[in-house]
């Protein structure tokens, strides 16, 4: 059964839980590794607090979907002091989430993006609703400062560089990634929790999980508990709807798609040297075809509308405020529910 999961604001209030319950949402998706109580204090979540949180969600008819482990930072990738502690913390977090009954965990690793090679901007669409976009710089200097780039997920690599990392650097990054998964996969197998990796966003060539590296994960770790948080928007950035449908068929028939980020885009790196994120009905992709493809391969997890466009009334000035665009989210959830209703008719 296909279900709907959504993210959450920084402060998970009863008002927000009431709001998403009224929309007909099934699960909450926790996308930040430092959000859970205990991470700041001891490096990994507190089991009692995680259990308490899950019971609170269940009181609203909701549940966990995906949780996120504490970040593996550039300190680990670059073998700095504290690297071993980071690995220990994320292994402890994996056990805590598994014992609390979370079905899926994700590990973030700094350095999987080359965002210093991109120019990011706010894209403006019909009626003035706001998305975001990226353009390839193709060797031109980035107009953003080094500080701005580091805040924008540019870690490990030289933010002032106009070139992708060398092959040797990328292999070193991959070796550190495998060290992390060598610790986590046995825990996933012991507890039966799924370990899901998101594709590199933005998927520039040679990014660790841009395409070839994305598949490399299940080649290196063939456990059935290792798979993907498949983001159709991110993969469309690389090659559009044909690529997305091919990958759903490939990974889905292997049972390796554990959840789906569901968003639409206009353009791609391959065709336009950039892309812009849009509302679900306003991009290049036919989103119903994606729903049909997921159903065809037997996917039965959660679909999560993410990178919600900002529509009139969401934020006072369109740029700041609560990190949840409430009206945009309501529109996205309603659109997905309509697609699922249509699927039930045409099956």
C-alpha atoms as a PDB file:
ATOM      1  CA  UNK A   1       0.000   0.000   0.000  1.00  0.00           C
ATOM      2  CA  UNK A   2       1.402   3.381  -0.995  1.00  0.00           C
ATOM      3  CA  UNK A   3       1.364   5.857   1.884  1.00  0.00           C
ATOM      4  CA  UNK A   4       2.236   9.529   2.317  1.00  0.00           C
ATOM      5  CA  UNK A   5       4.944  10.862   4.623  1.00  0.00           C
ATOM      6  CA  UNK A   6       5.866  14.493   5.240  1.00  0.00           C
ATOM      7  CA  UNK A   7       8.689  16.308   6.966  1.00  0.00           C
ATOM      8  CA  UNK A   8       8.258  18.492  10.013  1.00  0.00           C
ATOM      9  CA  UNK A   9       9.015  21.973  11.312  1.00  0.00           C
ATOM     10  CA  UNK A  10      11.805  22.547  13.776  1.00  0.00           C
ATOM     11  CA  UNK A  11       9.252  22.622  16.580  1.00  0.00           C
ATOM     12  CA  UNK A  12       6.982  19.586  16.168  1.00  0.00           C
ATOM     13  CA  UNK A  13       3.829  21.079  17.659  1.00  0.00           C
ATOM     14  CA  UNK A  14       0.441  19.481  18.187  1.00  0.00           C
ATOM     15  CA  UNK A  15      -0.904  22.075  15.754  1.00  0.00           C
ATOM     16  CA  UNK A  16       1.338  20.716  12.999  1.00  0.00           C
ATOM     17  CA  UNK A  17       0.446  17.114  13.799  1.00  0.00           C
ATOM     18  CA  UNK A  18      -3.242  18.049  13.729  1.00  0.00           C
ATOM     19  CA  UNK A  19      -2.703  19.803  10.380  1.00  0.00           C
ATOM     20  CA  UNK A  20      -1.041  16.837   8.654  1.00  0.00           C
ATOM     21  CA  UNK A  21      -3.520  14.392  10.188  1.00  0.00           C
ATOM     22  CA  UNK A  22      -6.334  16.467   8.689  1.00  0.00           C
ATOM     23  CA  UNK A  23      -4.590  16.238   5.311  1.00  0.00           C
ATOM     24  CA  UNK A  24      -4.589  12.442   5.541  1.00  0.00           C
ATOM     25  CA  UNK A  25      -0.843  11.969   6.001  1.00  0.00           C
ATOM     26  CA  UNK A  26       0.348   8.591   7.291  1.00  0.00           C
ATOM     27  CA  UNK A  27       3.899   9.124   8.567  1.00  0.00           C
ATOM     28  CA  UNK A  28       6.443  11.735   9.636  1.00  0.00           C
ATOM     29  CA  UNK A  29       9.878  11.846   8.056  1.00  0.00           C
ATOM     30  CA  UNK A  30      12.808  13.034  10.185  1.00  0.00           C
ATOM     31  CA  UNK A  31      15.480  14.398   7.883  1.00  0.00           C
ATOM     32  CA  UNK A  32      17.985  16.036  10.237  1.00  0.00           C
ATOM     33  CA  UNK A  33      20.581  14.001  12.089  1.00  0.00           C
ATOM     34  CA  UNK A  34      20.848  16.434  15.010  1.00  0.00           C
ATOM     35  CA  UNK A  35      17.093  16.916  15.576  1.00  0.00           C
ATOM     36  CA  UNK A  36      16.418  14.087  18.042  1.00  0.00           C
ATOM     37  CA  UNK A  37      16.910  14.704  21.757  1.00  0.00           C
ATOM     38  CA  UNK A  38      20.232  13.354  22.971  1.00  0.00           C
ATOM     39  CA  UNK A  39      22.285  13.983  19.837  1.00  0.00           C
ATOM     40  CA  UNK A  40      23.606  17.344  20.988  1.00  0.00           C
ATOM     41  CA  UNK A  41      24.284  16.084  24.507  1.00  0.00           C
ATOM     42  CA  UNK A  42      25.810  12.639  23.885  1.00  0.00           C
ATOM     43  CA  UNK A  43      26.263  12.327  20.139  1.00  0.00           C
ATOM     44  CA  UNK A  44      23.312   9.988  19.482  1.00  0.00           C
ATOM     45  CA  UNK A  45      19.568   9.952  20.302  1.00  0.00           C
ATOM     46  CA  UNK A  46      18.192   9.007  23.696  1.00  0.00           C
ATOM     47  CA  UNK A  47      16.178   5.789  23.399  1.00  0.00           C
ATOM     48  CA  UNK A  48      13.505   6.792  25.918  1.00  0.00           C
ATOM     49  CA  UNK A  49      12.937  10.090  24.099  1.00  0.00           C
ATOM     50  CA  UNK A  50      12.683   8.398  20.706  1.00  0.00           C
ATOM     51  CA  UNK A  51      10.145   5.906  22.055  1.00  0.00           C
ATOM     52  CA  UNK A  52       8.190   8.754  23.652  1.00  0.00           C
ATOM     53  CA  UNK A  53       8.184  10.621  20.345  1.00  0.00           C
ATOM     54  CA  UNK A  54       6.931   7.592  18.443  1.00  0.00           C
ATOM     55  CA  UNK A  55       4.087   7.103  20.934  1.00  0.00           C
ATOM     56  CA  UNK A  56       3.155  10.747  20.509  1.00  0.00           C
ATOM     57  CA  UNK A  57       2.947  10.302  16.739  1.00  0.00           C
ATOM     58  CA  UNK A  58       0.889   7.143  17.141  1.00  0.00           C
ATOM     59  CA  UNK A  59      -1.587   9.039  19.323  1.00  0.00           C
ATOM     60  CA  UNK A  60      -2.356  11.092  16.184  1.00  0.00           C
ATOM     61  CA  UNK A  61      -2.629   8.011  13.971  1.00  0.00           C
ATOM     62  CA  UNK A  62       0.852   8.655  12.562  1.00  0.00           C
ATOM     63  CA  UNK A  63       4.179   6.816  12.794  1.00  0.00           C
ATOM     64  CA  UNK A  64       7.836   7.026  11.910  1.00  0.00           C
ATOM     65  CA  UNK A  65       8.856   6.697   8.310  1.00  0.00           C
ATOM     66  CA  UNK A  66      12.530   7.573   7.910  1.00  0.00           C
ATOM     67  CA  UNK A  67      14.876   8.772  10.635  1.00  0.00           C
ATOM     68  CA  UNK A  68      18.310  10.286  10.039  1.00  0.00           C
ATOM     69  CA  UNK A  69      21.518   9.292  11.771  1.00  0.00           C
ATOM     70  CA  UNK A  70      23.986  11.899  13.094  1.00  0.00           C
ATOM     71  CA  UNK A  71      26.015  13.385  10.261  1.00  0.00           C
ATOM     72  CA  UNK A  72      29.347  11.969   9.224  1.00  0.00           C
ATOM     73  CA  UNK A  73      31.272  15.198   8.772  1.00  0.00           C
ATOM     74  CA  UNK A  74      34.422  16.162   6.945  1.00  0.00           C
ATOM     75  CA  UNK A  75      36.305  15.442  10.178  1.00  0.00           C
ATOM     76  CA  UNK A  76      35.745  11.748   9.488  1.00  0.00           C
ATOM     77  CA  UNK A  77      36.349  11.975   5.742  1.00  0.00           C
ATOM     78  CA  UNK A  78      39.633  13.844   6.325  1.00  0.00           C
ATOM     79  CA  UNK A  79      40.739  11.649   9.297  1.00  0.00           C
ATOM     80  CA  UNK A  80      40.724  14.480  11.806  1.00  0.00           C
ATOM     81  CA  UNK A  81      40.457  14.168  15.574  1.00  0.00           C
ATOM     82  CA  UNK A  82      37.060  12.818  16.587  1.00  0.00           C
ATOM     83  CA  UNK A  83      36.597  10.710  13.467  1.00  0.00           C
ATOM     84  CA  UNK A  84      36.234   7.436  15.357  1.00  0.00           C
ATOM     85  CA  UNK A  85      33.782   9.047  17.762  1.00  0.00           C
ATOM     86  CA  UNK A  86      31.551  10.084  14.847  1.00  0.00           C
ATOM     87  CA  UNK A  87      31.467   6.499  13.632  1.00  0.00           C
ATOM     88  CA  UNK A  88      30.656   5.222  17.115  1.00  0.00           C
ATOM     89  CA  UNK A  89      27.872   7.787  17.519  1.00  0.00           C
ATOM     90  CA  UNK A  90      26.159   6.863  14.262  1.00  0.00           C
ATOM     91  CA  UNK A  91      26.354   3.147  15.095  1.00  0.00           C
ATOM     92  CA  UNK A  92      24.788   3.862  18.512  1.00  0.00           C
ATOM     93  CA  UNK A  93      22.076   5.929  16.827  1.00  0.00           C
ATOM     94  CA  UNK A  94      21.308   3.073  14.423  1.00  0.00           C
ATOM     95  CA  UNK A  95      20.748   0.720  17.357  1.00  0.00           C
ATOM     96  CA  UNK A  96      18.586   3.266  19.204  1.00  0.00           C
ATOM     97  CA  UNK A  97      16.334   3.862  16.198  1.00  0.00           C
ATOM     98  CA  UNK A  98      16.074   0.140  15.495  1.00  0.00           C
ATOM     99  CA  UNK A  99      15.107  -0.623  19.091  1.00  0.00           C
ATOM    100  CA  UNK A 100      12.481   2.144  18.938  1.00  0.00           C
ATOM    101  CA  UNK A 101      10.922   0.531  15.865  1.00  0.00           C
ATOM    102  CA  UNK A 102      11.943   2.999  13.154  1.00  0.00           C
ATOM    103  CA  UNK A 103      11.659   1.218   9.780  1.00  0.00           C
ATOM    104  CA  UNK A 104      14.233   3.216   7.761  1.00  0.00           C
ATOM    105  CA  UNK A 105      17.401   5.125   8.618  1.00  0.00           C
ATOM    106  CA  UNK A 106      19.512   7.372   6.428  1.00  0.00           C
ATOM    107  CA  UNK A 107      23.150   8.324   6.828  1.00  0.00           C
ATOM    108  CA  UNK A 108      24.322  11.695   5.556  1.00  0.00           C
ATOM    109  CA  UNK A 109      27.994  12.134   4.668  1.00  0.00           C
ATOM    110  CA  UNK A 110      29.542  15.496   3.973  1.00  0.00           C
ATOM    111  CA  UNK A 111      31.328  15.760   0.648  1.00  0.00           C
ATOM    112  CA  UNK A 112      28.878  13.894  -1.581  1.00  0.00           C
ATOM    113  CA  UNK A 113      27.998  17.138  -3.410  1.00  0.00           C
ATOM    114  CA  UNK A 114      30.040  19.473  -5.615  1.00  0.00           C
ATOM    115  CA  UNK A 115      27.843  22.503  -4.999  1.00  0.00           C
ATOM    116  CA  UNK A 116      30.799  24.847  -5.395  1.00  0.00           C
ATOM    117  CA  UNK A 117      30.459  24.127  -9.144  1.00  0.00           C
ATOM    118  CA  UNK A 118      26.869  25.404  -9.210  1.00  0.00           C
ATOM    119  CA  UNK A 119      25.022  28.697  -8.988  1.00  0.00           C
ATOM    120  CA  UNK A 120      21.859  28.433  -6.887  1.00  0.00           C
ATOM    121  CA  UNK A 121      18.921  30.828  -7.091  1.00  0.00           C
ATOM    122  CA  UNK A 122      15.216  31.255  -6.367  1.00  0.00           C
ATOM    123  CA  UNK A 123      13.143  30.348  -9.413  1.00  0.00           C
ATOM    124  CA  UNK A 124       9.867  32.172 -10.103  1.00  0.00           C
ATOM    125  CA  UNK A 125       6.948  30.351 -11.731  1.00  0.00           C
ATOM    126  CA  UNK A 126       3.281  30.882 -12.658  1.00  0.00           C
ATOM    127  CA  UNK A 127       1.666  33.621 -10.635  1.00  0.00           C
ATOM    128  CA  UNK A 128       4.946  34.199  -8.813  1.00  0.00           C
ATOM    129  CA  UNK A 129       5.224  31.026  -6.720  1.00  0.00           C
ATOM    130  CA  UNK A 130       8.822  30.288  -5.719  1.00  0.00           C
ATOM    131  CA  UNK A 131      10.966  27.234  -6.201  1.00  0.00           C
ATOM    132  CA  UNK A 132      14.712  26.893  -6.467  1.00  0.00           C
ATOM    133  CA  UNK A 133      17.113  26.311  -9.304  1.00  0.00           C
ATOM    134  CA  UNK A 134      20.738  25.553 -10.128  1.00  0.00           C
ATOM    135  CA  UNK A 135      22.954  26.264 -13.095  1.00  0.00           C
ATOM    136  CA  UNK A 136      26.293  24.673 -13.883  1.00  0.00           C
ATOM    137  CA  UNK A 137      29.128  27.193 -13.753  1.00  0.00           C
ATOM    138  CA  UNK A 138      31.255  25.277 -16.299  1.00  0.00           C
ATOM    139  CA  UNK A 139      34.568  26.498 -14.985  1.00  0.00           C
ATOM    140  CA  UNK A 140      33.468  30.014 -14.045  1.00  0.00           C
ATOM    141  CA  UNK A 141      34.155  31.242 -10.496  1.00  0.00           C
ATOM    142  CA  UNK A 142      31.257  30.901  -8.079  1.00  0.00           C
ATOM    143  CA  UNK A 143      29.774  34.311  -7.128  1.00  0.00           C
ATOM    144  CA  UNK A 144      29.065  33.051  -3.602  1.00  0.00           C
ATOM    145  CA  UNK A 145      31.642  33.517  -0.852  1.00  0.00           C
ATOM    146  CA  UNK A 146      33.477  30.568   0.694  1.00  0.00           C
ATOM    147  CA  UNK A 147      31.432  31.055   3.888  1.00  0.00           C
ATOM    148  CA  UNK A 148      28.174  30.977   1.947  1.00  0.00           C
ATOM    149  CA  UNK A 149      29.266  27.869   0.084  1.00  0.00           C
ATOM    150  CA  UNK A 150      30.213  26.015   3.252  1.00  0.00           C
ATOM    151  CA  UNK A 151      26.787  26.822   4.672  1.00  0.00           C
ATOM    152  CA  UNK A 152      25.382  25.418   1.449  1.00  0.00           C
ATOM    153  CA  UNK A 153      26.656  21.857   1.886  1.00  0.00           C
ATOM    154  CA  UNK A 154      30.119  22.470   0.445  1.00  0.00           C
ATOM    155  CA  UNK A 155      32.426  20.480   2.674  1.00  0.00           C
ATOM    156  CA  UNK A 156      35.592  18.453   2.153  1.00  0.00           C
ATOM    157  CA  UNK A 157      36.277  19.921  -1.287  1.00  0.00           C
ATOM    158  CA  UNK A 158      37.966  23.248  -2.017  1.00  0.00           C
ATOM    159  CA  UNK A 159      35.149  25.802  -2.194  1.00  0.00           C
ATOM    160  CA  UNK A 160      37.290  28.126  -4.320  1.00  0.00           C
ATOM    161  CA  UNK A 161      37.972  25.492  -6.964  1.00  0.00           C
ATOM    162  CA  UNK A 162      36.299  25.576 -10.372  1.00  0.00           C
ATOM    163  CA  UNK A 163      36.978  21.884 -11.007  1.00  0.00           C
ATOM    164  CA  UNK A 164      35.627  18.589  -9.704  1.00  0.00           C
ATOM    165  CA  UNK A 165      37.787  16.652  -7.206  1.00  0.00           C
ATOM    166  CA  UNK A 166      40.512  14.391  -8.550  1.00  0.00           C
ATOM    167  CA  UNK A 167      39.842  10.670  -8.963  1.00  0.00           C
ATOM    168  CA  UNK A 168      42.170   9.891  -6.053  1.00  0.00           C
ATOM    169  CA  UNK A 169      40.205  12.225  -3.793  1.00  0.00           C
ATOM    170  CA  UNK A 170      36.928  10.619  -4.822  1.00  0.00           C
ATOM    171  CA  UNK A 171      38.247   7.122  -4.139  1.00  0.00           C
ATOM    172  CA  UNK A 172      39.411   8.246  -0.711  1.00  0.00           C
ATOM    173  CA  UNK A 173      35.900   9.592  -0.051  1.00  0.00           C
ATOM    174  CA  UNK A 174      34.384   6.281  -1.192  1.00  0.00           C
ATOM    175  CA  UNK A 175      36.704   4.306   1.088  1.00  0.00           C
ATOM    176  CA  UNK A 176      35.547   6.352   4.052  1.00  0.00           C
ATOM    177  CA  UNK A 177      31.910   5.808   3.056  1.00  0.00           C
ATOM    178  CA  UNK A 178      32.468   2.042   3.001  1.00  0.00           C
ATOM    179  CA  UNK A 179      33.972   2.200   6.497  1.00  0.00           C
ATOM    180  CA  UNK A 180      30.709   3.743   7.705  1.00  0.00           C
ATOM    181  CA  UNK A 181      28.516   1.159   6.002  1.00  0.00           C
ATOM    182  CA  UNK A 182      30.716  -1.668   7.246  1.00  0.00           C
ATOM    183  CA  UNK A 183      29.674  -0.601  10.744  1.00  0.00           C
ATOM    184  CA  UNK A 184      26.024   0.075   9.967  1.00  0.00           C
ATOM    185  CA  UNK A 185      24.981  -2.774   7.684  1.00  0.00           C
ATOM    186  CA  UNK A 186      25.510  -5.536  10.303  1.00  0.00           C
ATOM    187  CA  UNK A 187      23.304  -3.539  12.688  1.00  0.00           C
ATOM    188  CA  UNK A 188      20.659  -3.191   9.971  1.00  0.00           C
ATOM    189  CA  UNK A 189      20.768  -6.944   9.408  1.00  0.00           C
ATOM    190  CA  UNK A 190      20.633  -7.724  13.119  1.00  0.00           C
ATOM    191  CA  UNK A 191      17.575  -5.549  13.772  1.00  0.00           C
ATOM    192  CA  UNK A 192      15.868  -5.620  10.371  1.00  0.00           C
ATOM    193  CA  UNK A 193      15.968  -1.846   9.908  1.00  0.00           C
ATOM    194  CA  UNK A 194      16.432  -0.534   6.358  1.00  0.00           C
ATOM    195  CA  UNK A 195      19.468   1.603   5.540  1.00  0.00           C
ATOM    196  CA  UNK A 196      18.549   4.043   2.762  1.00  0.00           C
ATOM    197  CA  UNK A 197      20.841   6.370   0.801  1.00  0.00           C
ATOM    198  CA  UNK A 198      19.610   9.503  -0.949  1.00  0.00           C
ATOM    199  CA  UNK A 199      21.165  10.236  -4.357  1.00  0.00           C
ATOM    200  CA  UNK A 200      23.604  13.119  -4.562  1.00  0.00           C
ATOM    201  CA  UNK A 201      21.674  16.354  -4.995  1.00  0.00           C
ATOM    202  CA  UNK A 202      22.750  18.079  -7.240  1.00  0.00           C
ATOM    203  CA  UNK A 203      23.846  15.046  -9.355  1.00  0.00           C
ATOM    204  CA  UNK A 204      26.822  16.517 -11.193  1.00  0.00           C
ATOM    205  CA  UNK A 205      29.086  14.037 -13.023  1.00  0.00           C
ATOM    206  CA  UNK A 206      31.445  12.126 -10.698  1.00  0.00           C
ATOM    207  CA  UNK A 207      29.487  13.014  -7.550  1.00  0.00           C
ATOM    208  CA  UNK A 208      29.690   9.957  -5.253  1.00  0.00           C
ATOM    209  CA  UNK A 209      26.002   9.068  -5.514  1.00  0.00           C
ATOM    210  CA  UNK A 210      25.203  10.889  -8.745  1.00  0.00           C
ATOM    211  CA  UNK A 211      24.463   7.798 -10.831  1.00  0.00           C
ATOM    212  CA  UNK A 212      27.228   5.245 -11.183  1.00  0.00           C
ATOM    213  CA  UNK A 213      28.152   5.664  -7.536  1.00  0.00           C
ATOM    214  CA  UNK A 214      24.506   5.347  -6.517  1.00  0.00           C
ATOM    215  CA  UNK A 215      24.359   1.831  -7.963  1.00  0.00           C
ATOM    216  CA  UNK A 216      27.782   1.042  -6.510  1.00  0.00           C
ATOM    217  CA  UNK A 217      26.252   1.027  -3.016  1.00  0.00           C
ATOM    218  CA  UNK A 218      24.234  -2.157  -3.532  1.00  0.00           C
ATOM    219  CA  UNK A 219      27.107  -3.763  -5.428  1.00  0.00           C
ATOM    220  CA  UNK A 220      29.370  -3.231  -2.412  1.00  0.00           C
ATOM    221  CA  UNK A 221      26.704  -4.071   0.193  1.00  0.00           C
ATOM    222  CA  UNK A 222      24.299  -6.707  -1.178  1.00  0.00           C
ATOM    223  CA  UNK A 223      22.239  -6.970   2.025  1.00  0.00           C
ATOM    224  CA  UNK A 224      18.488  -6.749   1.417  1.00  0.00           C
ATOM    225  CA  UNK A 225      18.429  -4.065   4.114  1.00  0.00           C
ATOM    226  CA  UNK A 226      20.592  -1.755   1.992  1.00  0.00           C
ATOM    227  CA  UNK A 227      18.804   0.355  -0.582  1.00  0.00           C
ATOM    228  CA  UNK A 228      17.565   3.770  -1.512  1.00  0.00           C
ATOM    229  CA  UNK A 229      15.636   6.797  -0.531  1.00  0.00           C
ATOM    230  CA  UNK A 230      14.789   7.324  -4.184  1.00  0.00           C
ATOM    231  CA  UNK A 231      14.369  11.002  -5.066  1.00  0.00           C
ATOM    232  CA  UNK A 232      12.666  11.313  -8.436  1.00  0.00           C
ATOM    233  CA  UNK A 233      13.330  15.060  -8.497  1.00  0.00           C
ATOM    234  CA  UNK A 234      17.061  14.647  -7.942  1.00  0.00           C
ATOM    235  CA  UNK A 235      17.333  11.941 -10.578  1.00  0.00           C
ATOM    236  CA  UNK A 236      15.274  13.997 -13.034  1.00  0.00           C
ATOM    237  CA  UNK A 237      17.881  16.719 -12.575  1.00  0.00           C
ATOM    238  CA  UNK A 238      20.334  14.253 -14.124  1.00  0.00           C
ATOM    239  CA  UNK A 239      18.248  13.016 -17.055  1.00  0.00           C
ATOM    240  CA  UNK A 240      14.512  13.638 -16.894  1.00  0.00           C
ATOM    241  CA  UNK A 241      11.557  11.266 -16.760  1.00  0.00           C
ATOM    242  CA  UNK A 242      13.048   8.464 -18.936  1.00  0.00           C
ATOM    243  CA  UNK A 243      15.938   8.078 -16.497  1.00  0.00           C
ATOM    244  CA  UNK A 244      13.583   8.110 -13.502  1.00  0.00           C
ATOM    245  CA  UNK A 245      11.335   5.408 -14.969  1.00  0.00           C
ATOM    246  CA  UNK A 246      14.344   3.253 -15.888  1.00  0.00           C
ATOM    247  CA  UNK A 247      15.788   3.520 -12.381  1.00  0.00           C
ATOM    248  CA  UNK A 248      12.461   2.761 -10.694  1.00  0.00           C
ATOM    249  CA  UNK A 249      12.232  -0.373 -12.816  1.00  0.00           C
ATOM    250  CA  UNK A 250      15.828  -1.323 -12.024  1.00  0.00           C
ATOM    251  CA  UNK A 251      15.926  -0.669  -8.282  1.00  0.00           C
ATOM    252  CA  UNK A 252      12.247  -1.315  -7.637  1.00  0.00           C
ATOM    253  CA  UNK A 253      12.170  -4.820  -9.092  1.00  0.00           C
ATOM    254  CA  UNK A 254      15.189  -5.593  -6.884  1.00  0.00           C
ATOM    255  CA  UNK A 255      13.287  -4.426  -3.802  1.00  0.00           C
ATOM    256  CA  UNK A 256      15.817  -1.680  -3.119  1.00  0.00           C
ATOM    257  CA  UNK A 257      13.540   1.379  -3.091  1.00  0.00           C
ATOM    258  CA  UNK A 258      12.546   1.928   0.527  1.00  0.00           C
ATOM    259  CA  UNK A 259      10.860   5.331   0.208  1.00  0.00           C
ATOM    260  CA  UNK A 260      10.408   8.052  -2.413  1.00  0.00           C
ATOM    261  CA  UNK A 261      10.955  11.793  -2.462  1.00  0.00           C
ATOM    262  CA  UNK A 262       8.332  13.086  -4.856  1.00  0.00           C
ATOM    263  CA  UNK A 263       8.881  16.370  -6.691  1.00  0.00           C
ATOM    264  CA  UNK A 264       8.903  17.746 -10.209  1.00  0.00           C
ATOM    265  CA  UNK A 265      11.523  19.788 -12.061  1.00  0.00           C
ATOM    266  CA  UNK A 266      11.927  21.681 -15.306  1.00  0.00           C
ATOM    267  CA  UNK A 267      15.060  21.068 -17.368  1.00  0.00           C
ATOM    268  CA  UNK A 268      18.045  18.913 -16.416  1.00  0.00           C
ATOM    269  CA  UNK A 269      21.810  19.120 -16.187  1.00  0.00           C
ATOM    270  CA  UNK A 270      22.072  16.977 -19.312  1.00  0.00           C
ATOM    271  CA  UNK A 271      19.702  18.998 -21.484  1.00  0.00           C
ATOM    272  CA  UNK A 272      19.905  22.558 -20.161  1.00  0.00           C
ATOM    273  CA  UNK A 273      22.965  22.723 -17.936  1.00  0.00           C
ATOM    274  CA  UNK A 274      20.614  23.350 -15.047  1.00  0.00           C
ATOM    275  CA  UNK A 275      17.114  22.864 -13.702  1.00  0.00           C
ATOM    276  CA  UNK A 276      14.364  24.504 -11.667  1.00  0.00           C
ATOM    277  CA  UNK A 277      12.109  22.875  -9.076  1.00  0.00           C
ATOM    278  CA  UNK A 278       8.377  23.311  -9.654  1.00  0.00           C
ATOM    279  CA  UNK A 279       4.993  22.368  -8.272  1.00  0.00           C
ATOM    280  CA  UNK A 280       4.044  18.758  -8.927  1.00  0.00           C
ATOM    281  CA  UNK A 281       1.859  19.596 -11.929  1.00  0.00           C
ATOM    282  CA  UNK A 282       4.121  22.279 -13.386  1.00  0.00           C
ATOM    283  CA  UNK A 283       7.347  20.531 -14.383  1.00  0.00           C
ATOM    284  CA  UNK A 284       8.531  18.352 -17.235  1.00  0.00           C
ATOM    285  CA  UNK A 285       7.540  15.030 -15.701  1.00  0.00           C
ATOM    286  CA  UNK A 286       4.167  13.276 -15.746  1.00  0.00           C
ATOM    287  CA  UNK A 287       3.999  12.379 -12.064  1.00  0.00           C
ATOM    288  CA  UNK A 288       1.233   9.837 -12.589  1.00  0.00           C
ATOM    289  CA  UNK A 289       3.603   7.774 -14.733  1.00  0.00           C
ATOM    290  CA  UNK A 290       5.969   7.660 -11.755  1.00  0.00           C
ATOM    291  CA  UNK A 291       3.170   6.472  -9.463  1.00  0.00           C
ATOM    292  CA  UNK A 292       2.255   3.790 -12.002  1.00  0.00           C
ATOM    293  CA  UNK A 293       5.881   2.661 -12.286  1.00  0.00           C
ATOM    294  CA  UNK A 294       6.230   2.395  -8.508  1.00  0.00           C
ATOM    295  CA  UNK A 295       3.035   0.358  -8.341  1.00  0.00           C
ATOM    296  CA  UNK A 296       4.221  -1.859 -11.198  1.00  0.00           C
ATOM    297  CA  UNK A 297       7.412  -2.875  -9.360  1.00  0.00           C
ATOM    298  CA  UNK A 298       5.516  -3.561  -6.121  1.00  0.00           C
ATOM    299  CA  UNK A 299       6.707  -0.570  -4.109  1.00  0.00           C
ATOM    300  CA  UNK A 300       4.680  -0.324  -0.889  1.00  0.00           C
ATOM    301  CA  UNK A 301       6.452   2.371   1.104  1.00  0.00           C
ATOM    302  CA  UNK A 302       5.960   6.076   1.707  1.00  0.00           C
ATOM    303  CA  UNK A 303       5.886   8.858  -0.862  1.00  0.00           C
ATOM    304  CA  UNK A 304       7.179  12.128   0.536  1.00  0.00           C
ATOM    305  CA  UNK A 305       6.565  15.485  -1.184  1.00  0.00           C
ATOM    306  CA  UNK A 306       9.725  17.465  -0.515  1.00  0.00           C
ATOM    307  CA  UNK A 307      11.260  20.808  -1.529  1.00  0.00           C
ATOM    308  CA  UNK A 308       7.766  22.269  -1.324  1.00  0.00           C
ATOM    309  CA  UNK A 309       7.316  25.393  -3.502  1.00  0.00           C
ATOM    310  CA  UNK A 310       6.305  28.575  -1.695  1.00  0.00           C
ATOM    311  CA  UNK A 311       2.895  29.826  -2.774  1.00  0.00           C
ATOM    312  CA  UNK A 312       1.000  32.991  -1.887  1.00  0.00           C
ATOM    313  CA  UNK A 313       0.313  33.231   1.840  1.00  0.00           C
ATOM    314  CA  UNK A 314       2.953  30.725   2.963  1.00  0.00           C
ATOM    315  CA  UNK A 315       5.552  33.247   4.138  1.00  0.00           C
ATOM    316  CA  UNK A 316       5.074  36.965   4.570  1.00  0.00           C
ATOM    317  CA  UNK A 317       7.918  37.847   2.211  1.00  0.00           C
ATOM    318  CA  UNK A 318       8.367  34.538   0.428  1.00  0.00           C
ATOM    319  CA  UNK A 319      11.793  33.839   1.875  1.00  0.00           C
ATOM    320  CA  UNK A 320      11.699  33.558   5.665  1.00  0.00           C
ATOM    321  CA  UNK A 321       9.562  32.217   8.465  1.00  0.00           C
ATOM    322  CA  UNK A 322       8.492  28.720   9.497  1.00  0.00           C
ATOM    323  CA  UNK A 323      10.430  26.189   7.358  1.00  0.00           C
ATOM    324  CA  UNK A 324       7.177  24.486   6.375  1.00  0.00           C
ATOM    325  CA  UNK A 325       5.251  26.044   3.492  1.00  0.00           C
ATOM    326  CA  UNK A 326       1.857  24.996   4.822  1.00  0.00           C
ATOM    327  CA  UNK A 327      -0.283  25.843   1.804  1.00  0.00           C
ATOM    328  CA  UNK A 328       2.282  24.438  -0.595  1.00  0.00           C
ATOM    329  CA  UNK A 329       2.410  21.255   1.482  1.00  0.00           C
ATOM    330  CA  UNK A 330      -1.373  20.933   1.540  1.00  0.00           C
ATOM    331  CA  UNK A 331      -1.452  21.313  -2.237  1.00  0.00           C
ATOM    332  CA  UNK A 332       1.258  18.658  -2.701  1.00  0.00           C
ATOM    333  CA  UNK A 333      -0.401  16.140  -0.378  1.00  0.00           C
ATOM    334  CA  UNK A 334      -3.758  16.668  -2.072  1.00  0.00           C
ATOM    335  CA  UNK A 335      -2.181  16.198  -5.484  1.00  0.00           C
ATOM    336  CA  UNK A 336      -0.561  12.914  -4.421  1.00  0.00           C
ATOM    337  CA  UNK A 337      -3.809  11.654  -2.908  1.00  0.00           C
ATOM    338  CA  UNK A 338      -5.553  12.388  -6.204  1.00  0.00           C
ATOM    339  CA  UNK A 339      -2.872  10.437  -8.091  1.00  0.00           C
ATOM    340  CA  UNK A 340      -3.325   7.485  -5.738  1.00  0.00           C
ATOM    341  CA  UNK A 341      -7.102   7.615  -6.236  1.00  0.00           C
ATOM    342  CA  UNK A 342      -6.587   7.618 -10.011  1.00  0.00           C
ATOM    343  CA  UNK A 343      -4.221   4.662  -9.686  1.00  0.00           C
ATOM    344  CA  UNK A 344      -6.903   2.664  -7.907  1.00  0.00           C
ATOM    345  CA  UNK A 345      -9.235   3.243 -10.861  1.00  0.00           C
ATOM    346  CA  UNK A 346      -6.853   2.295 -13.663  1.00  0.00           C
ATOM    347  CA  UNK A 347      -5.169  -0.741 -12.081  1.00  0.00           C
END
